[in-house]
Amino acid sequence: MFEILVSVESTATPCSAMPAMKPGIGFVVSDEKLSPRGGDPICLLALQSLMPFLTGEEAPDCS
């Protein structure tokens, strides 16, 4: 399995989350677990859009 670091680079529009997402906030995906870094919040809308990529990277190699 991989360890994937996901972090905010920029926001295209002002973030309505409280607290607002800002560059540097992120989380780690490792062994099918999601762990926020240092108590960072996780935006569910961003997480939803990333799920196809994260689950594909974390899937076992079937070859």
N, C-alpha and C. Protein backbone atom coordinates (compact mmCIF):
# COMPACT_ATOMS: atom_id res chain seq x y z
N MET A 1 0.84 -1.18 0.00
CA MET A 1 0.00 0.00 0.00
C MET A 1 0.88 1.25 0.00
N PHE A 2 0.30 2.32 -0.48
CA PHE A 2 0.99 3.60 -0.54
C PHE A 2 0.59 4.48 0.64
N GLU A 3 1.42 5.46 0.92
CA GLU A 3 1.03 6.54 1.82
C GLU A 3 0.87 7.76 0.95
N ILE A 4 -0.32 8.34 0.95
CA ILE A 4 -0.64 9.47 0.08
C ILE A 4 -0.90 10.69 0.94
N LEU A 5 -0.17 11.76 0.67
CA LEU A 5 -0.39 13.03 1.36
C LEU A 5 -1.24 13.91 0.46
N VAL A 6 -2.38 14.34 0.96
CA VAL A 6 -3.29 15.22 0.23
C VAL A 6 -3.29 16.56 0.94
N SER A 7 -3.00 17.63 0.20
CA SER A 7 -3.01 18.94 0.84
C SER A 7 -3.58 19.98 -0.11
N VAL A 8 -4.14 21.03 0.46
CA VAL A 8 -4.73 22.12 -0.31
C VAL A 8 -3.60 22.95 -0.91
N GLU A 9 -3.63 23.13 -2.23
CA GLU A 9 -2.69 24.02 -2.90
C GLU A 9 -3.28 25.41 -3.03
N SER A 10 -4.55 25.45 -3.44
CA SER A 10 -5.25 26.72 -3.59
C SER A 10 -6.74 26.44 -3.64
N THR A 11 -7.55 27.48 -3.50
CA THR A 11 -9.00 27.34 -3.65
C THR A 11 -9.43 28.22 -4.81
N ALA A 12 -10.29 27.68 -5.69
CA ALA A 12 -10.73 28.42 -6.87
C ALA A 12 -11.73 29.51 -6.51
N THR A 13 -12.50 29.25 -5.48
CA THR A 13 -13.48 30.22 -5.00
C THR A 13 -13.34 30.33 -3.49
N PRO A 14 -13.86 31.37 -2.88
CA PRO A 14 -13.79 31.44 -1.42
C PRO A 14 -14.46 30.22 -0.79
N CYS A 15 -13.81 29.61 0.16
CA CYS A 15 -14.32 28.41 0.83
C CYS A 15 -15.34 28.81 1.88
N SER A 16 -16.50 28.14 1.86
CA SER A 16 -17.56 28.46 2.81
C SER A 16 -17.48 27.62 4.08
N ALA A 17 -16.53 26.69 4.14
CA ALA A 17 -16.38 25.85 5.34
C ALA A 17 -15.91 26.69 6.51
N MET A 18 -16.27 26.25 7.71
CA MET A 18 -15.80 26.93 8.91
C MET A 18 -15.02 25.93 9.75
N PRO A 19 -13.74 26.04 9.94
CA PRO A 19 -12.87 27.09 9.40
C PRO A 19 -12.62 26.87 7.92
N ALA A 20 -12.34 27.94 7.21
CA ALA A 20 -12.12 27.88 5.76
C ALA A 20 -10.87 27.07 5.44
N MET A 21 -10.96 26.33 4.35
CA MET A 21 -9.79 25.59 3.88
C MET A 21 -8.78 26.60 3.35
N LYS A 22 -7.51 26.34 3.58
CA LYS A 22 -6.46 27.23 3.10
C LYS A 22 -5.26 26.39 2.72
N PRO A 23 -4.37 26.93 1.90
CA PRO A 23 -3.20 26.16 1.48
C PRO A 23 -2.43 25.60 2.67
N GLY A 24 -2.02 24.35 2.52
CA GLY A 24 -1.26 23.67 3.56
C GLY A 24 -2.07 22.70 4.40
N ILE A 25 -3.39 22.90 4.48
CA ILE A 25 -4.25 21.97 5.23
C ILE A 25 -4.29 20.65 4.46
N GLY A 26 -4.26 19.54 5.17
CA GLY A 26 -4.30 18.27 4.46
C GLY A 26 -4.50 17.08 5.36
N PHE A 27 -4.40 15.90 4.74
CA PHE A 27 -4.54 14.64 5.45
C PHE A 27 -3.70 13.58 4.75
N VAL A 28 -3.52 12.47 5.43
CA VAL A 28 -2.74 11.36 4.91
C VAL A 28 -3.66 10.16 4.74
N VAL A 29 -3.52 9.45 3.62
CA VAL A 29 -4.22 8.19 3.40
C VAL A 29 -3.16 7.10 3.41
N SER A 30 -3.31 6.16 4.34
CA SER A 30 -2.34 5.08 4.47
C SER A 30 -3.06 3.83 4.97
N ASP A 31 -2.78 2.70 4.34
CA ASP A 31 -3.40 1.43 4.72
C ASP A 31 -4.92 1.57 4.85
N GLU A 32 -5.53 2.22 3.88
CA GLU A 32 -6.99 2.40 3.79
C GLU A 32 -7.56 3.22 4.94
N LYS A 33 -6.72 4.02 5.61
CA LYS A 33 -7.18 4.90 6.69
C LYS A 33 -6.87 6.34 6.33
N LEU A 34 -7.76 7.23 6.73
CA LEU A 34 -7.60 8.65 6.50
C LEU A 34 -7.25 9.31 7.83
N SER A 35 -6.15 10.04 7.87
CA SER A 35 -5.70 10.67 9.11
C SER A 35 -5.43 12.15 8.88
N PRO A 36 -6.16 13.04 9.58
CA PRO A 36 -5.87 14.46 9.44
C PRO A 36 -4.50 14.78 10.03
N ARG A 37 -3.85 15.77 9.45
CA ARG A 37 -2.53 16.18 9.95
C ARG A 37 -2.71 17.24 11.02
N GLY A 38 -2.26 16.97 12.21
CA GLY A 38 -2.27 17.97 13.26
C GLY A 38 -3.62 18.57 13.57
N GLY A 39 -4.68 17.79 13.44
CA GLY A 39 -6.01 18.30 13.75
C GLY A 39 -6.64 19.14 12.65
N ASP A 40 -6.04 19.13 11.44
CA ASP A 40 -6.60 19.89 10.32
C ASP A 40 -8.02 19.42 10.01
N PRO A 41 -8.91 20.33 9.63
CA PRO A 41 -10.24 19.93 9.20
C PRO A 41 -10.16 19.28 7.82
N ILE A 42 -11.17 18.50 7.49
CA ILE A 42 -11.24 17.86 6.18
C ILE A 42 -12.54 18.30 5.50
N CYS A 43 -12.43 18.87 4.32
CA CYS A 43 -13.61 19.32 3.57
C CYS A 43 -14.26 18.11 2.90
N LEU A 44 -15.50 17.82 3.24
CA LEU A 44 -16.18 16.66 2.68
C LEU A 44 -16.41 16.79 1.18
N LEU A 45 -16.64 17.99 0.69
CA LEU A 45 -16.83 18.18 -0.75
C LEU A 45 -15.55 17.87 -1.51
N ALA A 46 -14.42 18.31 -0.99
CA ALA A 46 -13.13 18.00 -1.62
C ALA A 46 -12.83 16.51 -1.52
N LEU A 47 -13.11 15.92 -0.36
CA LEU A 47 -12.87 14.49 -0.17
C LEU A 47 -13.71 13.68 -1.15
N GLN A 48 -14.95 14.05 -1.34
CA GLN A 48 -15.84 13.35 -2.27
C GLN A 48 -15.26 13.36 -3.67
N SER A 49 -14.73 14.50 -4.10
CA SER A 49 -14.20 14.59 -5.46
C SER A 49 -12.89 13.80 -5.61
N LEU A 50 -12.18 13.55 -4.52
CA LEU A 50 -10.93 12.81 -4.58
C LEU A 50 -11.09 11.30 -4.45
N MET A 51 -12.25 10.84 -3.98
CA MET A 51 -12.43 9.41 -3.69
C MET A 51 -12.07 8.49 -4.86
N PRO A 52 -12.46 8.77 -6.10
CA PRO A 52 -12.09 7.86 -7.18
C PRO A 52 -10.57 7.70 -7.32
N PHE A 53 -9.83 8.75 -7.07
CA PHE A 53 -8.37 8.70 -7.19
C PHE A 53 -7.75 7.98 -5.99
N LEU A 54 -8.24 8.29 -4.79
CA LEU A 54 -7.67 7.70 -3.58
C LEU A 54 -7.94 6.21 -3.51
N THR A 55 -9.15 5.79 -3.83
CA THR A 55 -9.46 4.37 -3.75
C THR A 55 -8.70 3.58 -4.82
N GLY A 56 -8.48 4.17 -5.97
CA GLY A 56 -7.70 3.52 -7.02
C GLY A 56 -6.25 3.33 -6.63
N GLU A 57 -5.67 4.31 -5.99
CA GLU A 57 -4.27 4.22 -5.55
C GLU A 57 -4.11 3.26 -4.38
N GLU A 58 -5.09 3.16 -3.52
CA GLU A 58 -4.98 2.30 -2.34
C GLU A 58 -5.41 0.86 -2.61
N ALA A 59 -6.02 0.59 -3.77
CA ALA A 59 -6.48 -0.78 -4.07
C ALA A 59 -5.29 -1.72 -4.21
N PRO A 60 -5.45 -2.96 -3.76
CA PRO A 60 -4.35 -3.93 -3.93
C PRO A 60 -4.07 -4.18 -5.40
N ASP A 61 -2.84 -4.48 -5.72
CA ASP A 61 -2.45 -4.77 -7.09
C ASP A 61 -3.01 -6.14 -7.46
N CYS A 62 -3.86 -6.19 -8.47
CA CYS A 62 -4.53 -7.44 -8.85
C CYS A 62 -3.83 -8.15 -10.01
N SER A 63 -2.64 -7.72 -10.38
CA SER A 63 -1.98 -8.35 -11.53
C SER A 63 -1.24 -9.61 -11.15
